[in-house]
Amino acid sequence: MDHKELTSKLKSISDKIYLHQVAGRYQKEMKRYNDLPDMINDNSYNSCEEWRIHYHVPLFVSRYGILESTQDDILNVFQLLQHQSITNVLEIETYTWSVLPDEVKIDLTESIVSEFKWVLENMKVQYQNLWIK
């Protein structure tokens, strides 16, 4: 992956409203940053093998250009929930609609409906009796 392209993309999602904590995996050790700009300003970040950036993005989008979401991890949790009764509460916490990158920003109402539908469909929940149709 091109370092300049990655840095540009990371800067585009680094807003001043929310914190975006970062954990990076460097071979056998983890490096943590309090916020995305801290990571971007650390010149060693390009040698990281994998980053996890705390950024609330719509669940129904798996890729943001060169960045990926943790959608696969969420799907794995949904599978676990189908086989084990761990909780009866699920919170959908995407509140960063106003600061999302332009390529994924759509109408707010449409985004929220899409978010709920994606969760319900991927949890295999029948939602014909709910207000979302």
N, C-alpha and C. Protein backbone atom coordinates (compact mmCIF):
# COMPACT_ATOMS: atom_id res chain seq x y z
N MET A 1 0.84 -1.18 0.00
CA MET A 1 0.00 0.00 0.00
C MET A 1 0.89 1.24 0.00
N ASP A 2 0.54 2.20 -0.79
CA ASP A 2 1.30 3.44 -0.91
C ASP A 2 1.16 4.26 0.38
N HIS A 3 2.32 4.60 0.97
CA HIS A 3 2.34 5.34 2.25
C HIS A 3 1.66 6.71 2.11
N LYS A 4 1.90 7.42 1.02
CA LYS A 4 1.30 8.74 0.83
C LYS A 4 -0.22 8.64 0.71
N GLU A 5 -0.70 7.62 -0.04
CA GLU A 5 -2.13 7.42 -0.20
C GLU A 5 -2.77 7.10 1.15
N LEU A 6 -2.11 6.23 1.92
CA LEU A 6 -2.63 5.87 3.23
C LEU A 6 -2.68 7.08 4.16
N THR A 7 -1.61 7.84 4.20
CA THR A 7 -1.56 9.02 5.06
C THR A 7 -2.65 10.01 4.67
N SER A 8 -2.85 10.21 3.38
CA SER A 8 -3.90 11.11 2.91
C SER A 8 -5.28 10.62 3.36
N LYS A 9 -5.52 9.33 3.23
CA LYS A 9 -6.81 8.75 3.63
C LYS A 9 -7.03 8.89 5.13
N LEU A 10 -5.99 8.61 5.91
CA LEU A 10 -6.10 8.72 7.36
C LEU A 10 -6.37 10.16 7.79
N LYS A 11 -5.72 11.11 7.13
CA LYS A 11 -5.97 12.51 7.45
C LYS A 11 -7.40 12.90 7.12
N SER A 12 -7.95 12.31 6.07
CA SER A 12 -9.32 12.67 5.67
C SER A 12 -10.37 12.19 6.67
N ILE A 13 -10.06 11.18 7.47
CA ILE A 13 -11.02 10.71 8.48
C ILE A 13 -10.68 11.21 9.88
N SER A 14 -9.63 11.99 9.99
CA SER A 14 -9.21 12.49 11.29
C SER A 14 -9.89 13.82 11.58
N ASP A 15 -11.07 13.75 12.16
CA ASP A 15 -11.81 14.98 12.46
C ASP A 15 -11.45 15.46 13.87
N LYS A 16 -11.82 16.67 14.18
CA LYS A 16 -11.52 17.25 15.48
C LYS A 16 -12.65 17.08 16.49
N ILE A 17 -13.72 16.40 16.08
CA ILE A 17 -14.88 16.24 16.95
C ILE A 17 -14.73 15.03 17.87
N TYR A 18 -14.31 13.89 17.31
CA TYR A 18 -14.25 12.64 18.06
C TYR A 18 -12.81 12.16 18.19
N LEU A 19 -12.56 11.43 19.25
CA LEU A 19 -11.27 10.74 19.40
C LEU A 19 -11.30 9.46 18.57
N HIS A 20 -10.19 9.14 17.98
CA HIS A 20 -10.07 7.90 17.20
C HIS A 20 -8.83 7.16 17.69
N GLN A 21 -9.00 6.47 18.83
CA GLN A 21 -7.88 5.72 19.37
C GLN A 21 -7.42 4.69 18.35
N VAL A 22 -6.12 4.39 18.38
CA VAL A 22 -5.54 3.47 17.41
C VAL A 22 -4.67 2.45 18.13
N ALA A 23 -4.76 1.21 17.69
CA ALA A 23 -3.84 0.16 18.13
C ALA A 23 -3.20 -0.40 16.87
N GLY A 24 -1.89 -0.52 16.90
CA GLY A 24 -1.16 -1.07 15.76
C GLY A 24 -0.38 -2.30 16.17
N ARG A 25 -0.34 -3.29 15.28
CA ARG A 25 0.41 -4.52 15.56
C ARG A 25 1.70 -4.49 14.76
N TYR A 26 2.83 -4.50 15.48
CA TYR A 26 4.16 -4.54 14.90
C TYR A 26 4.77 -5.88 15.29
N GLN A 27 4.76 -6.84 14.38
CA GLN A 27 5.25 -8.18 14.65
C GLN A 27 4.70 -8.70 15.97
N LYS A 28 5.49 -8.68 17.04
CA LYS A 28 5.04 -9.27 18.30
C LYS A 28 4.59 -8.23 19.33
N GLU A 29 4.59 -6.98 18.99
CA GLU A 29 4.18 -5.98 19.98
C GLU A 29 3.06 -5.10 19.45
N MET A 30 2.35 -4.51 20.40
CA MET A 30 1.27 -3.58 20.07
C MET A 30 1.72 -2.17 20.41
N LYS A 31 1.32 -1.25 19.58
CA LYS A 31 1.59 0.16 19.85
C LYS A 31 0.24 0.87 19.86
N ARG A 32 0.04 1.74 20.85
CA ARG A 32 -1.25 2.42 20.98
C ARG A 32 -1.05 3.92 20.85
N TYR A 33 -2.06 4.55 20.26
CA TYR A 33 -2.07 5.99 20.10
C TYR A 33 -3.38 6.52 20.66
N ASN A 34 -3.35 7.65 21.33
CA ASN A 34 -4.56 8.22 21.90
C ASN A 34 -5.53 8.74 20.85
N ASP A 35 -5.00 9.19 19.72
CA ASP A 35 -5.84 9.71 18.66
C ASP A 35 -5.14 9.52 17.32
N LEU A 36 -5.90 9.53 16.27
CA LEU A 36 -5.38 9.28 14.93
C LEU A 36 -4.23 10.22 14.54
N PRO A 37 -4.29 11.53 14.83
CA PRO A 37 -3.15 12.38 14.48
C PRO A 37 -1.85 11.95 15.15
N ASP A 38 -1.94 11.39 16.36
CA ASP A 38 -0.73 10.90 17.03
C ASP A 38 -0.08 9.79 16.20
N MET A 39 -0.90 8.92 15.64
CA MET A 39 -0.38 7.84 14.80
C MET A 39 0.20 8.40 13.51
N ILE A 40 -0.53 9.30 12.86
CA ILE A 40 -0.07 9.87 11.59
C ILE A 40 1.26 10.58 11.76
N ASN A 41 1.45 11.25 12.90
CA ASN A 41 2.69 11.99 13.14
C ASN A 41 3.84 11.11 13.58
N ASP A 42 3.58 9.85 13.86
CA ASP A 42 4.64 8.89 14.21
C ASP A 42 5.12 8.24 12.91
N ASN A 43 6.30 8.59 12.47
CA ASN A 43 6.80 8.10 11.19
C ASN A 43 6.96 6.60 11.12
N SER A 44 6.94 5.92 12.25
CA SER A 44 7.10 4.47 12.24
C SER A 44 5.80 3.73 11.93
N TYR A 45 4.67 4.46 11.84
CA TYR A 45 3.40 3.77 11.66
C TYR A 45 3.32 3.00 10.35
N ASN A 46 4.08 3.40 9.33
CA ASN A 46 4.01 2.68 8.05
C ASN A 46 4.64 1.30 8.12
N SER A 47 5.35 0.97 9.19
CA SER A 47 5.89 -0.38 9.33
C SER A 47 4.95 -1.30 10.10
N CYS A 48 3.82 -0.78 10.50
CA CYS A 48 2.82 -1.56 11.23
C CYS A 48 2.17 -2.57 10.29
N GLU A 49 1.89 -3.76 10.79
CA GLU A 49 1.27 -4.81 9.99
C GLU A 49 -0.25 -4.67 9.93
N GLU A 50 -0.84 -4.16 10.99
CA GLU A 50 -2.30 -4.01 11.04
C GLU A 50 -2.64 -2.91 12.03
N TRP A 51 -3.63 -2.11 11.69
CA TRP A 51 -4.13 -1.06 12.58
C TRP A 51 -5.58 -1.35 12.89
N ARG A 52 -5.98 -0.96 14.07
CA ARG A 52 -7.39 -0.93 14.45
C ARG A 52 -7.65 0.49 14.92
N ILE A 53 -8.49 1.18 14.16
CA ILE A 53 -8.80 2.58 14.45
C ILE A 53 -10.24 2.67 14.94
N HIS A 54 -10.42 3.23 16.12
CA HIS A 54 -11.75 3.40 16.69
C HIS A 54 -12.44 4.53 15.93
N TYR A 55 -13.34 4.13 15.05
CA TYR A 55 -14.06 5.10 14.22
C TYR A 55 -15.42 4.50 13.93
N HIS A 56 -16.46 5.13 14.39
CA HIS A 56 -17.81 4.59 14.22
C HIS A 56 -18.27 4.83 12.79
N VAL A 57 -18.29 3.78 12.02
CA VAL A 57 -18.70 3.85 10.62
C VAL A 57 -19.95 3.00 10.43
N PRO A 58 -20.69 3.25 9.37
CA PRO A 58 -21.88 2.42 9.14
C PRO A 58 -21.51 0.95 9.03
N LEU A 59 -22.29 0.11 9.69
CA LEU A 59 -22.04 -1.33 9.66
C LEU A 59 -22.24 -1.93 8.28
N PHE A 60 -23.08 -1.32 7.47
CA PHE A 60 -23.43 -1.89 6.17
C PHE A 60 -22.38 -1.60 5.10
N VAL A 61 -21.31 -0.88 5.42
CA VAL A 61 -20.23 -0.61 4.46
C VAL A 61 -18.97 -1.32 4.96
N SER A 62 -18.40 -2.15 4.11
CA SER A 62 -17.23 -2.93 4.56
C SER A 62 -15.90 -2.30 4.15
N ARG A 63 -15.91 -1.44 3.14
CA ARG A 63 -14.68 -0.81 2.67
C ARG A 63 -14.88 0.69 2.52
N TYR A 64 -13.84 1.40 2.80
CA TYR A 64 -13.80 2.86 2.65
C TYR A 64 -12.57 3.18 1.81
N GLY A 65 -12.68 2.94 0.52
CA GLY A 65 -11.51 3.10 -0.34
C GLY A 65 -10.48 2.06 0.02
N ILE A 66 -9.32 2.50 0.45
CA ILE A 66 -8.24 1.57 0.80
C ILE A 66 -8.35 1.05 2.23
N LEU A 67 -9.29 1.58 3.00
CA LEU A 67 -9.48 1.14 4.38
C LEU A 67 -10.62 0.13 4.46
N GLU A 68 -10.51 -0.79 5.40
CA GLU A 68 -11.55 -1.80 5.62
C GLU A 68 -12.17 -1.58 6.99
N SER A 69 -13.41 -2.00 7.13
CA SER A 69 -14.05 -1.95 8.44
C SER A 69 -13.83 -3.29 9.14
N THR A 70 -14.36 -3.40 10.33
CA THR A 70 -14.32 -4.67 11.07
C THR A 70 -15.64 -5.41 10.92
N GLN A 71 -16.29 -5.23 9.79
CA GLN A 71 -17.58 -5.84 9.53
C GLN A 71 -17.52 -7.36 9.69
N ASP A 72 -16.45 -8.01 9.23
CA ASP A 72 -16.33 -9.46 9.38
C ASP A 72 -16.33 -9.88 10.85
N ASP A 73 -15.70 -9.09 11.70
CA ASP A 73 -15.70 -9.39 13.13
C ASP A 73 -17.11 -9.29 13.71
N ILE A 74 -17.86 -8.30 13.25
CA ILE A 74 -19.24 -8.14 13.71
C ILE A 74 -20.09 -9.33 13.27
N LEU A 75 -19.89 -9.78 12.04
CA LEU A 75 -20.63 -10.96 11.56
C LEU A 75 -20.30 -12.19 12.39
N ASN A 76 -19.04 -12.33 12.80
CA ASN A 76 -18.65 -13.45 13.67
C ASN A 76 -19.35 -13.36 15.02
N VAL A 77 -19.49 -12.17 15.56
CA VAL A 77 -20.20 -12.00 16.83
C VAL A 77 -21.67 -12.35 16.65
N PHE A 78 -22.27 -11.94 15.53
CA PHE A 78 -23.67 -12.30 15.28
C PHE A 78 -23.84 -13.81 15.26
N GLN A 79 -22.91 -14.52 14.64
CA GLN A 79 -22.99 -15.99 14.62
C GLN A 79 -22.92 -16.55 16.03
N LEU A 80 -22.02 -16.01 16.81
CA LEU A 80 -21.89 -16.45 18.21
C LEU A 80 -23.19 -16.21 18.96
N LEU A 81 -23.81 -15.05 18.75
CA LEU A 81 -25.06 -14.73 19.44
C LEU A 81 -26.20 -15.66 19.04
N GLN A 82 -26.15 -16.21 17.84
CA GLN A 82 -27.19 -17.15 17.42
C GLN A 82 -27.08 -18.48 18.14
N HIS A 83 -25.89 -18.82 18.59
CA HIS A 83 -25.66 -20.13 19.22
C HIS A 83 -25.55 -20.06 20.74
N GLN A 84 -25.31 -18.87 21.27
CA GLN A 84 -25.17 -18.73 22.71
C GLN A 84 -26.01 -17.55 23.18
N SER A 85 -26.73 -17.77 24.24
CA SER A 85 -27.56 -16.71 24.80
C SER A 85 -26.72 -15.87 25.75
N ILE A 86 -26.04 -14.90 25.18
CA ILE A 86 -25.14 -14.06 25.96
C ILE A 86 -25.84 -12.80 26.46
N THR A 87 -26.68 -12.22 25.61
CA THR A 87 -27.38 -10.99 25.96
C THR A 87 -28.67 -10.89 25.15
N ASN A 88 -29.58 -10.08 25.63
CA ASN A 88 -30.78 -9.80 24.85
C ASN A 88 -30.81 -8.32 24.45
N VAL A 89 -29.68 -7.64 24.58
CA VAL A 89 -29.56 -6.23 24.24
C VAL A 89 -28.48 -6.05 23.19
N LEU A 90 -28.79 -5.25 22.19
CA LEU A 90 -27.81 -4.92 21.16
C LEU A 90 -27.90 -3.43 20.88
N GLU A 91 -26.78 -2.76 20.92
CA GLU A 91 -26.75 -1.32 20.66
C GLU A 91 -26.06 -1.07 19.32
N ILE A 92 -26.72 -0.30 18.48
CA ILE A 92 -26.12 0.13 17.22
C ILE A 92 -25.61 1.54 17.46
N GLU A 93 -24.30 1.70 17.44
CA GLU A 93 -23.71 2.97 17.85
C GLU A 93 -22.92 3.61 16.71
N THR A 94 -23.62 4.09 15.73
CA THR A 94 -22.99 4.88 14.68
C THR A 94 -23.52 6.29 14.82
N TYR A 95 -22.68 7.18 15.28
CA TYR A 95 -23.13 8.56 15.51
C TYR A 95 -22.27 9.56 14.74
N THR A 96 -21.40 9.09 13.90
CA THR A 96 -20.46 9.98 13.21
C THR A 96 -20.92 10.33 11.81
N TRP A 97 -22.21 10.26 11.56
CA TRP A 97 -22.73 10.48 10.21
C TRP A 97 -22.22 11.78 9.60
N SER A 98 -22.16 12.84 10.38
CA SER A 98 -21.80 14.15 9.83
C SER A 98 -20.33 14.27 9.45
N VAL A 99 -19.47 13.39 9.97
CA VAL A 99 -18.04 13.49 9.67
C VAL A 99 -17.53 12.33 8.81
N LEU A 100 -18.44 11.54 8.27
CA LEU A 100 -18.02 10.43 7.42
C LEU A 100 -17.38 10.96 6.13
N PRO A 101 -16.47 10.18 5.54
CA PRO A 101 -15.91 10.57 4.25
C PRO A 101 -17.02 10.70 3.20
N ASP A 102 -16.86 11.62 2.29
CA ASP A 102 -17.89 11.90 1.28
C ASP A 102 -18.31 10.67 0.49
N GLU A 103 -17.38 9.74 0.23
CA GLU A 103 -17.72 8.59 -0.62
C GLU A 103 -18.71 7.63 0.03
N VAL A 104 -18.91 7.73 1.35
CA VAL A 104 -19.89 6.86 2.01
C VAL A 104 -21.04 7.64 2.64
N LYS A 105 -21.01 8.93 2.52
CA LYS A 105 -22.05 9.76 3.12
C LYS A 105 -23.29 9.77 2.23
N ILE A 106 -24.42 9.33 2.81
CA ILE A 106 -25.70 9.37 2.11
C ILE A 106 -26.71 10.03 3.04
N ASP A 107 -27.93 10.17 2.58
CA ASP A 107 -28.99 10.78 3.37
C ASP A 107 -29.06 10.14 4.76
N LEU A 108 -29.19 10.96 5.80
CA LEU A 108 -29.16 10.47 7.17
C LEU A 108 -30.24 9.44 7.46
N THR A 109 -31.47 9.71 7.05
CA THR A 109 -32.56 8.76 7.29
C THR A 109 -32.28 7.44 6.57
N GLU A 110 -31.86 7.52 5.33
CA GLU A 110 -31.52 6.32 4.56
C GLU A 110 -30.39 5.54 5.23
N SER A 111 -29.41 6.26 5.77
CA SER A 111 -28.29 5.61 6.46
C SER A 111 -28.75 4.85 7.70
N ILE A 112 -29.59 5.48 8.50
CA ILE A 112 -30.06 4.84 9.73
C ILE A 112 -30.91 3.62 9.41
N VAL A 113 -31.80 3.73 8.43
CA VAL A 113 -32.62 2.59 8.01
C VAL A 113 -31.73 1.47 7.49
N SER A 114 -30.75 1.81 6.68
CA SER A 114 -29.83 0.80 6.14
C SER A 114 -29.05 0.11 7.26
N GLU A 115 -28.67 0.88 8.26
CA GLU A 115 -27.94 0.33 9.41
C GLU A 115 -28.79 -0.72 10.14
N PHE A 116 -30.01 -0.37 10.45
CA PHE A 116 -30.90 -1.31 11.14
C PHE A 116 -31.19 -2.54 10.28
N LYS A 117 -31.49 -2.34 9.01
CA LYS A 117 -31.78 -3.48 8.13
C LYS A 117 -30.58 -4.42 8.05
N TRP A 118 -29.39 -3.87 7.92
CA TRP A 118 -28.19 -4.70 7.81
C TRP A 118 -28.02 -5.55 9.07
N VAL A 119 -28.19 -4.94 10.23
CA VAL A 119 -28.06 -5.67 11.49
C VAL A 119 -29.11 -6.77 11.58
N LEU A 120 -30.36 -6.44 11.33
CA LEU A 120 -31.42 -7.42 11.45
C LEU A 120 -31.28 -8.56 10.45
N GLU A 121 -30.93 -8.24 9.23
CA GLU A 121 -30.75 -9.28 8.21
C GLU A 121 -29.57 -10.18 8.54
N ASN A 122 -28.49 -9.61 9.03
CA ASN A 122 -27.31 -10.41 9.33
C ASN A 122 -27.40 -11.15 10.65
N MET A 123 -28.32 -10.75 11.49
CA MET A 123 -28.59 -11.51 12.70
C MET A 123 -29.70 -12.52 12.45
N LYS A 124 -30.22 -12.55 11.22
CA LYS A 124 -31.29 -13.47 10.83
C LYS A 124 -32.54 -13.23 11.65
N VAL A 125 -32.84 -11.97 11.91
CA VAL A 125 -34.03 -11.59 12.68
C VAL A 125 -35.14 -11.26 11.70
N GLN A 126 -36.31 -11.79 11.96
CA GLN A 126 -37.48 -11.45 11.15
C GLN A 126 -37.97 -10.08 11.60
N TYR A 127 -38.02 -9.15 10.68
CA TYR A 127 -38.39 -7.80 11.08
C TYR A 127 -39.66 -7.30 10.41
N GLN A 128 -40.50 -8.18 9.92
CA GLN A 128 -41.73 -7.72 9.26
C GLN A 128 -42.68 -7.04 10.26
N ASN A 129 -42.58 -7.36 11.55
CA ASN A 129 -43.47 -6.74 12.52
C ASN A 129 -42.85 -5.49 13.16
N LEU A 130 -41.64 -5.17 12.77
CA LEU A 130 -41.01 -3.97 13.30
C LEU A 130 -41.36 -2.78 12.43
N TRP A 131 -41.00 -1.60 12.88
CA TRP A 131 -41.31 -0.40 12.12
C TRP A 131 -40.45 -0.25 10.87
N ILE A 132 -39.36 -1.02 10.77
CA ILE A 132 -38.50 -0.96 9.58
C ILE A 132 -39.03 -1.95 8.56
N LYS A 133 -39.33 -1.50 7.37
CA LYS A 133 -39.83 -2.40 6.32
C LYS A 133 -39.12 -2.14 5.02
